[in-house]
N, C-alpha and C. Protein backbone atom coordinates (compact mmCIF):
# COMPACT_ATOMS: atom_id res chain seq x y z
N UNK A 1 -78.66 10.55 37.32
CA UNK A 1 -77.17 10.71 37.03
C UNK A 1 -77.01 11.82 36.03
N UNK A 2 -76.03 12.50 36.27
CA UNK A 2 -75.74 13.77 35.39
C UNK A 2 -75.16 13.19 33.89
N UNK A 3 -75.29 14.06 32.97
CA UNK A 3 -74.61 13.76 31.72
C UNK A 3 -72.96 13.20 31.75
N UNK A 4 -72.50 14.01 32.59
CA UNK A 4 -71.13 14.12 32.72
C UNK A 4 -70.66 12.90 33.42
N UNK A 5 -71.45 12.55 34.65
CA UNK A 5 -71.00 11.15 35.37
C UNK A 5 -71.38 10.02 34.22
N UNK A 6 -72.28 10.09 33.46
CA UNK A 6 -72.91 8.76 32.57
C UNK A 6 -71.76 8.78 31.64
N UNK A 7 -71.32 9.86 31.17
CA UNK A 7 -70.19 9.81 30.15
C UNK A 7 -69.03 9.43 30.59
N UNK A 8 -68.66 9.76 31.69
CA UNK A 8 -67.46 9.25 32.54
C UNK A 8 -67.44 7.79 32.63
N UNK A 9 -68.83 7.25 33.02
CA UNK A 9 -69.01 5.64 33.48
C UNK A 9 -68.74 5.03 32.00
N UNK A 10 -69.17 5.41 31.04
CA UNK A 10 -69.30 4.99 29.81
C UNK A 10 -67.65 5.13 29.38
N UNK A 11 -67.13 5.93 29.24
CA UNK A 11 -65.62 6.24 29.14
C UNK A 11 -64.93 5.10 29.66
N UNK A 12 -65.01 4.98 31.20
CA UNK A 12 -64.17 4.07 31.85
C UNK A 12 -64.52 2.56 31.30
N UNK A 13 -65.74 2.40 31.11
CA UNK A 13 -66.23 0.77 30.84
C UNK A 13 -65.40 0.58 29.50
N UNK A 14 -65.39 1.47 28.47
CA UNK A 14 -64.72 1.54 27.22
C UNK A 14 -63.19 1.19 27.24
N UNK A 15 -62.58 2.03 28.35
CA UNK A 15 -61.23 1.92 28.43
C UNK A 15 -60.77 0.45 29.32
N UNK A 16 -61.72 0.27 30.20
CA UNK A 16 -61.29 -1.00 30.69
C UNK A 16 -61.42 -2.25 29.69
N UNK A 17 -62.27 -2.18 28.64
CA UNK A 17 -62.44 -3.32 27.81
C UNK A 17 -61.02 -3.19 26.91
N UNK A 18 -60.78 -1.89 26.52
CA UNK A 18 -59.78 -1.84 25.31
C UNK A 18 -58.33 -1.59 25.88
N UNK A 19 -58.04 -1.62 27.10
CA UNK A 19 -56.69 -1.51 27.80
C UNK A 19 -55.86 -2.88 27.97
N UNK A 20 -56.45 -3.98 27.72
CA UNK A 20 -55.67 -5.24 28.17
C UNK A 20 -54.74 -5.65 27.10
N UNK A 21 -54.26 -4.90 26.22
CA UNK A 21 -53.23 -5.46 25.23
C UNK A 21 -53.65 -5.91 24.34
N UNK A 22 -54.69 -5.77 23.75
CA UNK A 22 -55.25 -6.47 22.31
C UNK A 22 -55.77 -7.55 22.60
N UNK A 23 -56.71 -8.04 21.51
CA UNK A 23 -57.44 -9.16 21.73
C UNK A 23 -57.13 -10.24 20.98
N UNK A 24 -55.59 -10.14 20.41
CA UNK A 24 -54.90 -11.46 19.82
C UNK A 24 -54.61 -12.40 20.99
N UNK A 25 -54.53 -13.58 20.68
CA UNK A 25 -54.35 -14.69 21.68
C UNK A 25 -52.80 -15.13 21.50
N UNK A 26 -52.04 -15.16 22.61
CA UNK A 26 -50.92 -16.05 22.41
C UNK A 26 -50.76 -17.30 22.75
N UNK A 27 -49.63 -17.87 22.10
CA UNK A 27 -49.79 -19.51 22.28
C UNK A 27 -49.48 -19.78 23.85
N UNK A 28 -49.81 -21.03 24.15
CA UNK A 28 -49.36 -21.37 25.43
C UNK A 28 -48.28 -21.79 25.47
N UNK A 29 -47.63 -21.77 26.84
CA UNK A 29 -46.19 -22.24 27.14
C UNK A 29 -45.30 -21.40 26.35
N UNK A 30 -44.96 -20.16 26.68
CA UNK A 30 -44.11 -19.39 25.85
C UNK A 30 -42.54 -19.55 26.07
N UNK A 31 -42.38 -20.42 27.06
CA UNK A 31 -40.99 -20.92 27.61
C UNK A 31 -40.49 -22.01 26.49
N UNK A 32 -41.35 -22.15 26.11
CA UNK A 32 -41.02 -23.60 24.83
C UNK A 32 -41.06 -23.41 23.43
N UNK A 33 -39.95 -23.35 22.57
CA UNK A 33 -39.97 -22.72 21.35
C UNK A 33 -40.91 -23.76 20.52
N UNK A 34 -40.72 -25.28 20.72
CA UNK A 34 -41.12 -26.21 20.09
C UNK A 34 -42.86 -26.07 20.28
N UNK A 35 -43.25 -25.85 21.58
CA UNK A 35 -44.70 -25.64 21.78
C UNK A 35 -45.18 -24.47 21.14
N UNK A 36 -44.43 -23.60 20.94
CA UNK A 36 -45.11 -22.27 20.11
C UNK A 36 -45.29 -22.67 18.77
N UNK A 37 -44.05 -23.28 18.14
CA UNK A 37 -44.32 -23.65 16.79
C UNK A 37 -45.24 -24.81 16.35
N UNK A 38 -45.52 -25.58 17.35
CA UNK A 38 -46.64 -26.51 17.17
C UNK A 38 -47.86 -25.99 16.91
N UNK A 39 -48.08 -25.02 17.84
CA UNK A 39 -49.55 -24.37 18.05
C UNK A 39 -49.59 -23.42 17.02
N UNK A 40 -48.63 -22.88 16.59
CA UNK A 40 -48.64 -21.94 15.25
C UNK A 40 -47.73 -22.27 14.35
N UNK A 41 -48.10 -23.20 13.31
CA UNK A 41 -47.16 -23.76 12.36
C UNK A 41 -46.63 -22.47 11.55
N UNK A 42 -47.83 -21.52 11.20
CA UNK A 42 -47.57 -20.40 10.43
C UNK A 42 -46.17 -19.43 10.69
N UNK A 43 -46.05 -19.61 12.20
CA UNK A 43 -45.11 -18.69 12.59
C UNK A 43 -43.74 -19.43 12.15
N UNK A 44 -43.56 -20.49 11.93
CA UNK A 44 -41.97 -20.84 11.61
C UNK A 44 -41.79 -20.63 9.96
N UNK A 45 -42.98 -20.82 9.28
CA UNK A 45 -42.81 -20.48 7.97
C UNK A 45 -42.43 -18.83 7.96
N UNK A 46 -42.87 -18.11 8.54
CA UNK A 46 -42.70 -16.63 8.73
C UNK A 46 -41.15 -16.53 9.40
N UNK A 47 -40.88 -17.08 10.12
CA UNK A 47 -39.33 -16.87 10.88
C UNK A 47 -38.33 -17.34 9.96
N UNK A 48 -38.43 -18.52 9.24
CA UNK A 48 -37.73 -19.09 8.17
C UNK A 48 -37.77 -18.05 6.94
N UNK A 49 -38.81 -17.41 6.35
CA UNK A 49 -38.94 -16.60 5.64
C UNK A 49 -37.83 -15.03 5.73
N UNK A 50 -38.08 -14.62 6.74
CA UNK A 50 -37.05 -13.76 7.48
C UNK A 50 -35.88 -13.97 7.45
N UNK A 51 -35.55 -15.23 7.91
CA UNK A 51 -34.26 -15.69 8.08
C UNK A 51 -33.43 -15.70 6.65
N UNK A 52 -34.03 -16.32 5.81
CA UNK A 52 -33.50 -16.31 4.57
C UNK A 52 -33.21 -14.94 3.88
N UNK A 53 -34.41 -14.13 3.97
CA UNK A 53 -34.06 -12.62 3.32
C UNK A 53 -33.09 -11.79 4.12
N UNK A 54 -33.12 -11.59 5.13
CA UNK A 54 -32.35 -10.81 6.04
C UNK A 54 -31.13 -11.34 6.94
N UNK A 55 -31.25 -12.86 7.04
CA UNK A 55 -30.13 -13.48 7.88
C UNK A 55 -30.30 -13.41 9.49
N UNK A 56 -31.14 -13.02 9.89
CA UNK A 56 -31.52 -12.94 11.27
C UNK A 56 -32.21 -14.31 11.86
N UNK A 57 -31.51 -14.84 12.60
CA UNK A 57 -31.64 -16.37 12.90
C UNK A 57 -33.02 -16.46 13.74
N UNK A 58 -33.85 -17.62 13.41
CA UNK A 58 -35.19 -17.69 14.00
C UNK A 58 -35.36 -17.53 15.64
N UNK A 59 -34.48 -17.97 16.36
CA UNK A 59 -34.29 -17.96 17.88
C UNK A 59 -34.24 -16.19 18.46
N UNK A 60 -33.39 -15.71 17.48
CA UNK A 60 -33.34 -14.28 17.73
C UNK A 60 -34.67 -13.49 17.52
N UNK A 61 -35.17 -13.80 16.33
CA UNK A 61 -36.55 -13.19 16.16
C UNK A 61 -37.58 -13.53 17.33
N UNK A 62 -37.77 -14.90 17.68
CA UNK A 62 -38.48 -15.32 18.66
C UNK A 62 -38.33 -14.68 20.03
N UNK A 63 -37.02 -14.58 20.49
CA UNK A 63 -36.91 -14.02 21.53
C UNK A 63 -37.25 -12.51 21.66
N UNK A 64 -37.14 -11.73 20.51
CA UNK A 64 -37.33 -10.31 20.28
C UNK A 64 -38.78 -10.24 20.48
N UNK A 65 -39.30 -11.23 19.82
CA UNK A 65 -41.36 -10.89 19.73
C UNK A 65 -41.64 -11.25 21.27
N UNK A 66 -40.91 -12.54 21.88
CA UNK A 66 -41.44 -12.87 23.07
C UNK A 66 -41.53 -11.37 24.00
N UNK A 67 -40.26 -10.64 23.95
CA UNK A 67 -40.09 -9.51 24.75
C UNK A 67 -40.90 -8.42 24.40
N UNK A 68 -41.23 -8.16 23.13
CA UNK A 68 -42.07 -7.19 22.58
C UNK A 68 -43.61 -7.47 23.14
N UNK A 69 -44.29 -8.50 22.81
CA UNK A 69 -45.52 -8.72 22.67
C UNK A 69 -46.14 -9.96 23.21
N UNK A 70 -45.23 -10.87 23.58
CA UNK A 70 -45.73 -12.05 24.13
C UNK A 70 -46.43 -12.92 22.96
N UNK A 71 -46.11 -12.46 21.76
CA UNK A 71 -46.87 -13.27 20.70
C UNK A 71 -48.28 -12.84 20.30
N UNK A 72 -48.49 -11.59 20.96
CA UNK A 72 -49.81 -11.25 20.86
C UNK A 72 -49.94 -10.34 19.85
N UNK A 73 -50.78 -10.63 18.47
CA UNK A 73 -51.00 -10.05 17.40
C UNK A 73 -51.31 -8.64 17.63
N UNK A 74 -52.17 -8.51 18.53
CA UNK A 74 -52.79 -6.94 18.73
C UNK A 74 -52.20 -6.39 19.90
N UNK A 75 -51.03 -6.65 20.38
CA UNK A 75 -50.45 -5.95 21.52
C UNK A 75 -50.30 -4.36 21.44
N UNK A 76 -50.37 -3.82 22.59
CA UNK A 76 -50.41 -2.25 22.23
C UNK A 76 -49.68 -1.98 23.74
N UNK A 77 -49.28 -0.78 23.71
CA UNK A 77 -48.61 -0.04 25.20
C UNK A 77 -49.72 0.11 25.88
N UNK A 78 -49.62 0.16 27.12
CA UNK A 78 -50.49 0.52 28.33
C UNK A 78 -51.17 1.96 28.08
N UNK A 79 -52.42 1.99 28.34
CA UNK A 79 -52.87 3.40 28.28
C UNK A 79 -52.32 4.59 29.55
N UNK A 80 -52.52 5.76 29.05
CA UNK A 80 -51.89 6.75 30.03
C UNK A 80 -53.35 7.21 30.50
N UNK A 81 -53.39 7.85 31.74
CA UNK A 81 -54.42 8.42 32.53
C UNK A 81 -54.30 9.83 33.01
N UNK A 82 -55.17 10.64 32.79
CA UNK A 82 -55.20 11.84 33.47
C UNK A 82 -55.95 11.75 34.89
N UNK A 83 -55.51 12.42 35.72
CA UNK A 83 -56.34 12.43 37.03
C UNK A 83 -56.45 10.73 37.51
N UNK A 84 -55.79 9.95 37.12
CA UNK A 84 -55.95 8.68 37.20
C UNK A 84 -57.03 7.98 36.84
N UNK A 85 -57.87 8.42 36.06
CA UNK A 85 -59.14 7.67 35.68
C UNK A 85 -59.22 7.90 34.32
N UNK A 86 -59.07 9.19 33.67
CA UNK A 86 -59.54 9.60 32.12
C UNK A 86 -58.26 9.15 31.44
N UNK A 87 -58.71 8.42 30.64
CA UNK A 87 -57.78 7.74 29.48
C UNK A 87 -57.41 8.77 28.45
N UNK A 88 -56.26 9.02 28.28
CA UNK A 88 -55.35 9.98 27.22
C UNK A 88 -54.54 9.83 26.41
N UNK A 89 -54.74 8.35 25.97
CA UNK A 89 -53.99 8.08 24.74
C UNK A 89 -52.90 6.71 25.48
N UNK A 90 -52.18 6.09 24.49
CA UNK A 90 -51.32 5.32 24.85
C UNK A 90 -49.75 5.57 25.00
N UNK A 91 -48.93 5.04 25.88
CA UNK A 91 -47.60 5.60 26.07
C UNK A 91 -46.76 5.60 24.68
N UNK A 92 -47.11 4.73 23.65
CA UNK A 92 -46.62 4.94 22.36
C UNK A 92 -47.21 4.31 21.38
N UNK A 93 -47.18 4.52 20.02
CA UNK A 93 -47.90 3.81 19.02
C UNK A 93 -47.43 2.51 18.71
N UNK A 94 -46.26 2.00 19.26
CA UNK A 94 -46.07 0.58 19.28
C UNK A 94 -47.42 -0.35 19.07
N UNK A 95 -47.31 -1.10 18.21
CA UNK A 95 -48.39 -2.02 18.10
C UNK A 95 -48.01 -3.57 17.19
N UNK A 96 -48.76 -4.25 17.46
CA UNK A 96 -48.79 -5.90 16.92
C UNK A 96 -47.70 -6.58 17.51
N UNK A 97 -47.15 -7.82 16.53
CA UNK A 97 -45.94 -8.87 17.24
C UNK A 97 -44.83 -8.11 17.54
N UNK A 98 -44.25 -7.34 16.63
CA UNK A 98 -42.96 -6.56 16.68
C UNK A 98 -42.79 -5.23 17.58
N UNK A 99 -44.11 -4.85 17.95
CA UNK A 99 -44.21 -3.52 18.67
C UNK A 99 -43.51 -2.21 17.87
N UNK A 100 -43.70 -2.25 16.65
CA UNK A 100 -43.14 -1.44 15.50
C UNK A 100 -43.96 -0.11 15.99
N UNK A 101 -43.29 0.95 15.92
CA UNK A 101 -43.86 2.23 16.31
C UNK A 101 -44.31 2.87 14.56
N UNK A 102 -45.31 3.63 14.90
CA UNK A 102 -45.82 4.32 13.81
C UNK A 102 -44.76 4.83 12.63
N UNK A 103 -43.88 5.69 13.08
CA UNK A 103 -43.02 6.30 12.17
C UNK A 103 -41.96 5.15 11.56
N UNK A 104 -41.49 4.15 12.34
CA UNK A 104 -40.74 3.15 11.94
C UNK A 104 -41.23 2.44 11.02
N UNK A 105 -42.70 1.95 11.29
CA UNK A 105 -43.33 1.19 10.26
C UNK A 105 -43.55 1.81 8.89
N UNK A 106 -43.95 3.29 9.09
CA UNK A 106 -43.93 3.64 7.75
C UNK A 106 -42.62 3.98 6.78
N UNK A 107 -41.76 4.03 7.52
CA UNK A 107 -40.15 3.89 6.84
C UNK A 107 -39.96 2.51 6.31
N UNK A 108 -40.48 1.57 6.85
CA UNK A 108 -40.65 -0.04 6.20
C UNK A 108 -41.60 -0.04 5.23
N UNK A 109 -42.76 0.55 5.31
CA UNK A 109 -43.47 0.43 4.21
C UNK A 109 -42.88 1.24 3.00
N UNK A 110 -42.45 2.18 3.30
CA UNK A 110 -41.93 3.02 1.81
C UNK A 110 -40.64 2.31 1.31
N UNK A 111 -39.94 1.58 2.06
CA UNK A 111 -39.01 0.78 1.49
C UNK A 111 -39.33 -0.15 0.43
N UNK A 112 -38.77 -0.49 -0.41
CA UNK A 112 -39.12 -1.37 -1.44
C UNK A 112 -39.18 -2.69 -1.05
N UNK A 113 -38.87 -3.18 -0.07
CA UNK A 113 -39.21 -4.34 0.64
C UNK A 113 -40.21 -4.87 1.34
N UNK A 114 -41.24 -4.16 1.69
CA UNK A 114 -42.32 -4.37 2.23
C UNK A 114 -43.46 -4.68 1.27
N UNK A 115 -44.46 -5.68 1.68
CA UNK A 115 -45.44 -5.70 0.79
C UNK A 115 -46.63 -4.62 1.05
N UNK A 116 -47.05 -4.35 -0.12
CA UNK A 116 -47.82 -3.13 -0.13
C UNK A 116 -48.84 -2.97 0.97
N UNK A 117 -49.42 -4.11 1.26
CA UNK A 117 -50.77 -4.21 2.24
C UNK A 117 -50.05 -4.78 3.62
N UNK A 118 -48.59 -4.75 4.08
CA UNK A 118 -48.27 -5.08 5.19
C UNK A 118 -48.92 -4.52 6.15
N UNK A 119 -49.16 -5.48 7.64
CA UNK A 119 -49.60 -5.12 8.56
C UNK A 119 -48.96 -5.67 9.75
N UNK A 120 -49.09 -4.94 10.75
CA UNK A 120 -48.14 -5.14 12.14
C UNK A 120 -48.78 -6.34 12.81
N UNK A 121 -49.78 -6.77 12.56
CA UNK A 121 -50.62 -7.64 13.42
C UNK A 121 -50.52 -8.92 12.52
N UNK A 122 -49.61 -9.03 11.49
CA UNK A 122 -49.68 -10.22 10.44
C UNK A 122 -48.28 -10.82 10.92
N UNK A 123 -48.23 -11.87 11.33
CA UNK A 123 -46.97 -12.51 11.79
C UNK A 123 -45.80 -12.28 10.38
N UNK A 124 -46.10 -12.44 9.10
CA UNK A 124 -45.09 -12.67 8.00
C UNK A 124 -44.59 -11.21 8.06
N UNK A 125 -45.30 -10.25 8.10
CA UNK A 125 -45.03 -8.77 7.73
C UNK A 125 -43.99 -8.40 8.99
N UNK A 126 -44.57 -8.97 10.34
CA UNK A 126 -44.00 -8.32 11.58
C UNK A 126 -42.53 -9.11 11.56
N UNK A 127 -42.48 -10.27 11.12
CA UNK A 127 -41.03 -11.01 11.11
C UNK A 127 -40.07 -10.35 10.04
N UNK A 128 -40.76 -9.74 8.85
CA UNK A 128 -40.01 -9.15 7.83
C UNK A 128 -39.66 -7.87 8.16
N UNK A 129 -40.61 -7.24 8.97
CA UNK A 129 -40.09 -5.78 9.33
C UNK A 129 -38.77 -6.08 10.27
N UNK A 130 -38.77 -6.99 11.46
CA UNK A 130 -37.86 -7.18 12.27
C UNK A 130 -36.63 -7.59 11.37
N UNK A 131 -36.67 -8.41 10.75
CA UNK A 131 -35.50 -8.83 9.74
C UNK A 131 -34.78 -7.43 9.23
N UNK A 132 -35.81 -6.93 8.64
CA UNK A 132 -35.24 -5.59 7.76
C UNK A 132 -34.69 -4.80 8.83
N UNK A 133 -35.15 -4.44 9.77
CA UNK A 133 -34.52 -3.32 10.83
C UNK A 133 -33.31 -4.19 11.49
N UNK A 134 -33.15 -5.42 11.62
CA UNK A 134 -31.92 -6.00 12.37
C UNK A 134 -30.99 -6.06 11.42
N UNK A 135 -31.38 -6.22 9.87
CA UNK A 135 -30.12 -6.09 9.00
C UNK A 135 -29.48 -4.68 9.03
N UNK A 136 -30.30 -3.81 8.98
CA UNK A 136 -29.74 -2.19 9.17
C UNK A 136 -28.85 -2.44 10.11
N UNK A 137 -29.31 -2.82 11.34
CA UNK A 137 -28.37 -2.48 12.54
C UNK A 137 -27.15 -3.28 12.44
N UNK A 138 -27.32 -4.69 11.84
CA UNK A 138 -26.13 -5.21 11.41
C UNK A 138 -24.98 -4.38 10.43
N UNK A 139 -25.63 -3.81 9.55
CA UNK A 139 -24.86 -3.27 8.55
C UNK A 139 -24.30 -1.93 9.21
N UNK A 140 -25.24 -1.21 9.98
CA UNK A 140 -24.58 0.22 10.30
C UNK A 140 -23.84 0.14 11.73
N UNK A 141 -24.22 -1.03 12.36
CA UNK A 141 -23.57 -0.97 13.92
C UNK A 141 -22.73 -2.08 13.96
N UNK A 142 -22.66 -2.93 12.98
CA UNK A 142 -21.72 -4.18 13.10
C UNK A 142 -22.15 -5.13 14.22
N UNK A 143 -23.44 -5.38 14.41
CA UNK A 143 -24.10 -6.28 15.23
C UNK A 143 -24.13 -7.53 14.73
N UNK A 144 -23.58 -8.57 15.03
CA UNK A 144 -23.45 -10.09 14.65
C UNK A 144 -25.20 -10.33 14.62
N UNK A 145 -25.66 -11.01 13.56
CA UNK A 145 -27.07 -11.47 13.60
C UNK A 145 -27.57 -12.41 14.68
N UNK A 146 -26.59 -12.97 15.35
CA UNK A 146 -26.98 -13.99 16.51
C UNK A 146 -27.02 -13.13 17.98
N UNK A 147 -26.58 -11.95 17.88
CA UNK A 147 -26.39 -11.24 19.04
C UNK A 147 -27.68 -10.64 19.59
N UNK A 148 -28.54 -11.57 20.13
CA UNK A 148 -29.73 -11.06 20.35
C UNK A 148 -29.97 -9.76 21.47
N UNK A 149 -28.91 -9.98 22.36
CA UNK A 149 -29.08 -8.85 23.28
C UNK A 149 -28.92 -7.44 22.74
N UNK A 150 -27.67 -7.61 22.19
CA UNK A 150 -27.51 -6.05 21.51
C UNK A 150 -28.40 -5.69 20.20
N UNK A 151 -28.97 -6.68 19.68
CA UNK A 151 -29.88 -6.34 18.71
C UNK A 151 -31.21 -5.64 19.36
N UNK A 152 -31.58 -6.39 20.20
CA UNK A 152 -32.64 -5.67 21.25
C UNK A 152 -32.53 -4.38 21.93
N UNK A 153 -31.13 -4.01 22.16
CA UNK A 153 -30.80 -2.59 22.68
C UNK A 153 -31.19 -1.74 21.56
N UNK A 154 -30.37 -2.18 20.52
CA UNK A 154 -30.91 -1.17 19.25
C UNK A 154 -32.20 -1.19 18.69
N UNK A 155 -33.00 -2.07 18.55
CA UNK A 155 -34.26 -2.26 18.60
C UNK A 155 -35.10 -1.29 19.25
N UNK A 156 -34.87 -1.35 20.71
CA UNK A 156 -35.50 -0.58 21.54
C UNK A 156 -35.26 0.84 21.46
N UNK A 157 -33.82 1.22 21.41
CA UNK A 157 -33.51 2.54 21.45
C UNK A 157 -33.47 3.45 20.28
N UNK A 158 -33.59 2.46 19.25
CA UNK A 158 -33.13 3.19 17.79
C UNK A 158 -31.51 3.06 17.64
N UNK A 159 -31.14 3.05 16.33
CA UNK A 159 -29.62 3.13 16.12
C UNK A 159 -29.10 4.25 16.67
N UNK A 160 -29.52 5.36 16.67
CA UNK A 160 -28.75 6.71 17.24
C UNK A 160 -28.84 6.45 18.54
N UNK A 161 -29.88 5.97 19.33
CA UNK A 161 -29.86 5.70 20.61
C UNK A 161 -28.83 4.88 21.21
N UNK A 162 -28.47 3.72 20.17
CA UNK A 162 -27.58 2.81 20.85
C UNK A 162 -26.19 3.08 20.32
N UNK A 163 -26.09 4.09 19.45
CA UNK A 163 -24.64 4.33 19.02
C UNK A 163 -24.31 5.52 20.32
N UNK A 164 -25.26 6.11 20.85
CA UNK A 164 -24.69 7.32 21.79
C UNK A 164 -24.68 6.47 23.21
N UNK A 165 -25.22 5.29 23.32
CA UNK A 165 -25.14 4.45 24.64
C UNK A 165 -26.30 4.85 25.61
N UNK A 166 -27.67 5.24 24.97
CA UNK A 166 -28.49 5.83 25.87
C UNK A 166 -29.16 4.68 26.68
N UNK A 167 -28.89 3.31 26.44
CA UNK A 167 -29.13 2.31 27.28
C UNK A 167 -28.37 2.09 28.58
N UNK A 168 -27.26 2.75 28.70
CA UNK A 168 -26.26 2.69 29.74
C UNK A 168 -26.98 3.21 30.81
N UNK A 169 -27.70 4.27 30.78
CA UNK A 169 -28.36 4.88 31.87
C UNK A 169 -29.59 4.18 32.27
N UNK A 170 -30.18 3.09 31.72
CA UNK A 170 -31.58 2.44 31.83
C UNK A 170 -31.38 1.10 32.62
N UNK A 171 -30.99 0.74 33.71
CA UNK A 171 -30.56 -0.43 34.36
C UNK A 171 -31.61 -1.39 34.19
N UNK A 172 -32.99 -0.99 33.98
CA UNK A 172 -34.05 -1.74 33.71
C UNK A 172 -33.73 -2.42 32.18
N UNK A 173 -33.43 -1.59 31.20
CA UNK A 173 -33.50 -2.05 30.01
C UNK A 173 -32.22 -3.16 29.84
N UNK A 174 -31.12 -2.71 30.31
CA UNK A 174 -29.95 -3.68 30.38
C UNK A 174 -30.29 -4.88 31.03
N UNK A 175 -31.16 -5.12 31.93
CA UNK A 175 -31.68 -6.42 32.59
C UNK A 175 -32.41 -7.02 31.39
N UNK A 176 -33.19 -6.21 30.83
CA UNK A 176 -34.39 -7.01 29.81
C UNK A 176 -33.58 -7.40 28.65
N UNK A 177 -32.59 -6.75 28.18
CA UNK A 177 -31.97 -7.23 27.17
C UNK A 177 -31.13 -8.51 27.42
N UNK A 178 -30.38 -8.57 28.66
CA UNK A 178 -29.93 -9.51 28.98
C UNK A 178 -30.90 -10.87 29.04
N UNK A 179 -32.03 -10.60 29.41
CA UNK A 179 -33.18 -11.61 29.27
C UNK A 179 -33.51 -12.17 28.04
N UNK A 180 -33.31 -11.28 27.01
CA UNK A 180 -33.74 -11.41 25.80
C UNK A 180 -32.41 -12.42 25.32
N UNK A 181 -31.27 -11.99 25.44
CA UNK A 181 -30.20 -12.82 25.10
C UNK A 181 -30.37 -14.22 25.60
N UNK A 182 -30.44 -14.34 26.89
CA UNK A 182 -30.56 -15.63 27.37
C UNK A 182 -31.76 -16.44 26.76
N UNK A 183 -33.08 -15.94 26.47
CA UNK A 183 -34.12 -16.55 26.04
C UNK A 183 -33.73 -17.14 24.68
N UNK A 184 -33.12 -16.47 23.89
CA UNK A 184 -32.55 -16.74 22.48
C UNK A 184 -31.81 -17.82 22.61
N UNK A 185 -30.77 -17.93 23.58
CA UNK A 185 -29.96 -19.02 23.82
C UNK A 185 -30.96 -20.33 24.00
N UNK A 186 -31.88 -20.30 25.02
CA UNK A 186 -32.87 -21.15 25.42
C UNK A 186 -33.76 -21.94 24.17
N UNK A 187 -34.31 -20.73 23.23
CA UNK A 187 -34.70 -21.37 22.18
C UNK A 187 -34.07 -21.84 21.28
N UNK A 188 -32.68 -21.28 20.77
CA UNK A 188 -32.00 -21.88 19.91
C UNK A 188 -31.68 -23.56 20.53
N UNK A 189 -31.36 -23.74 21.44
CA UNK A 189 -31.08 -25.26 21.99
C UNK A 189 -32.45 -25.94 21.96
N UNK A 190 -33.73 -25.31 22.03
CA UNK A 190 -34.91 -26.04 21.94
C UNK A 190 -35.12 -26.48 20.38
N UNK A 191 -34.94 -25.58 19.64
CA UNK A 191 -35.17 -25.93 18.10
C UNK A 191 -34.55 -26.76 17.57
N UNK A 192 -33.07 -26.97 18.07
CA UNK A 192 -32.33 -28.12 17.62
C UNK A 192 -32.98 -29.39 17.71
N UNK A 193 -33.93 -29.33 18.52
CA UNK A 193 -34.55 -30.76 18.82
C UNK A 193 -35.99 -30.90 18.39
N UNK A 194 -36.31 -29.87 17.82
CA UNK A 194 -37.75 -29.59 17.44
C UNK A 194 -38.14 -30.02 16.16
N UNK A 195 -39.09 -31.04 15.93
CA UNK A 195 -39.68 -31.44 14.82
C UNK A 195 -40.55 -30.22 14.12
N UNK A 196 -40.85 -29.57 14.59
CA UNK A 196 -41.60 -28.39 14.01
C UNK A 196 -40.87 -27.38 13.25
N UNK A 197 -39.45 -27.58 13.57
CA UNK A 197 -38.53 -26.43 13.41
C UNK A 197 -37.47 -27.26 12.23
N UNK A 198 -38.22 -27.81 11.30
CA UNK A 198 -37.39 -28.57 10.18
C UNK A 198 -37.97 -28.53 8.70
């Protein structure tokens, strides 16, 4: 086997191992907020800390994290391929629970609010980042903190894109944001009767 083909085989094996969205494990039964918190007690403490600090309700945080990463701490965007087989990088720099982009995460880190060693794969830091971002959306765009649908649109498109209404030309994003809003309502109802959320 030539060196080129040997290198190609090795590259494809590495890509197939690394392209699955991260090695972090998600809780089981992601449709049940109580089940998530029962399996991951540290999540609730992180959600409540972000709610106290920034005012973003727990169910809004949970619905957004569900959509962004399915609660996978190592979630990444899919790989892009050249010629259908050669990996050439990921679709974006989004990473972790909150799928924060490199640039936005750096902006958060230089703010006076972040822990010096904050990490996107740490639930406390990811929820604090999300709260920080959504508080700015609340202040700049007048979005109510409980409005998961519009917060998701601003989160996905950025506040400038949200102001421009860039999401209006993306039917798939409007559908997804509605699903985030519906999931937030379901999570909110479940959390009212959840002993892990007290």
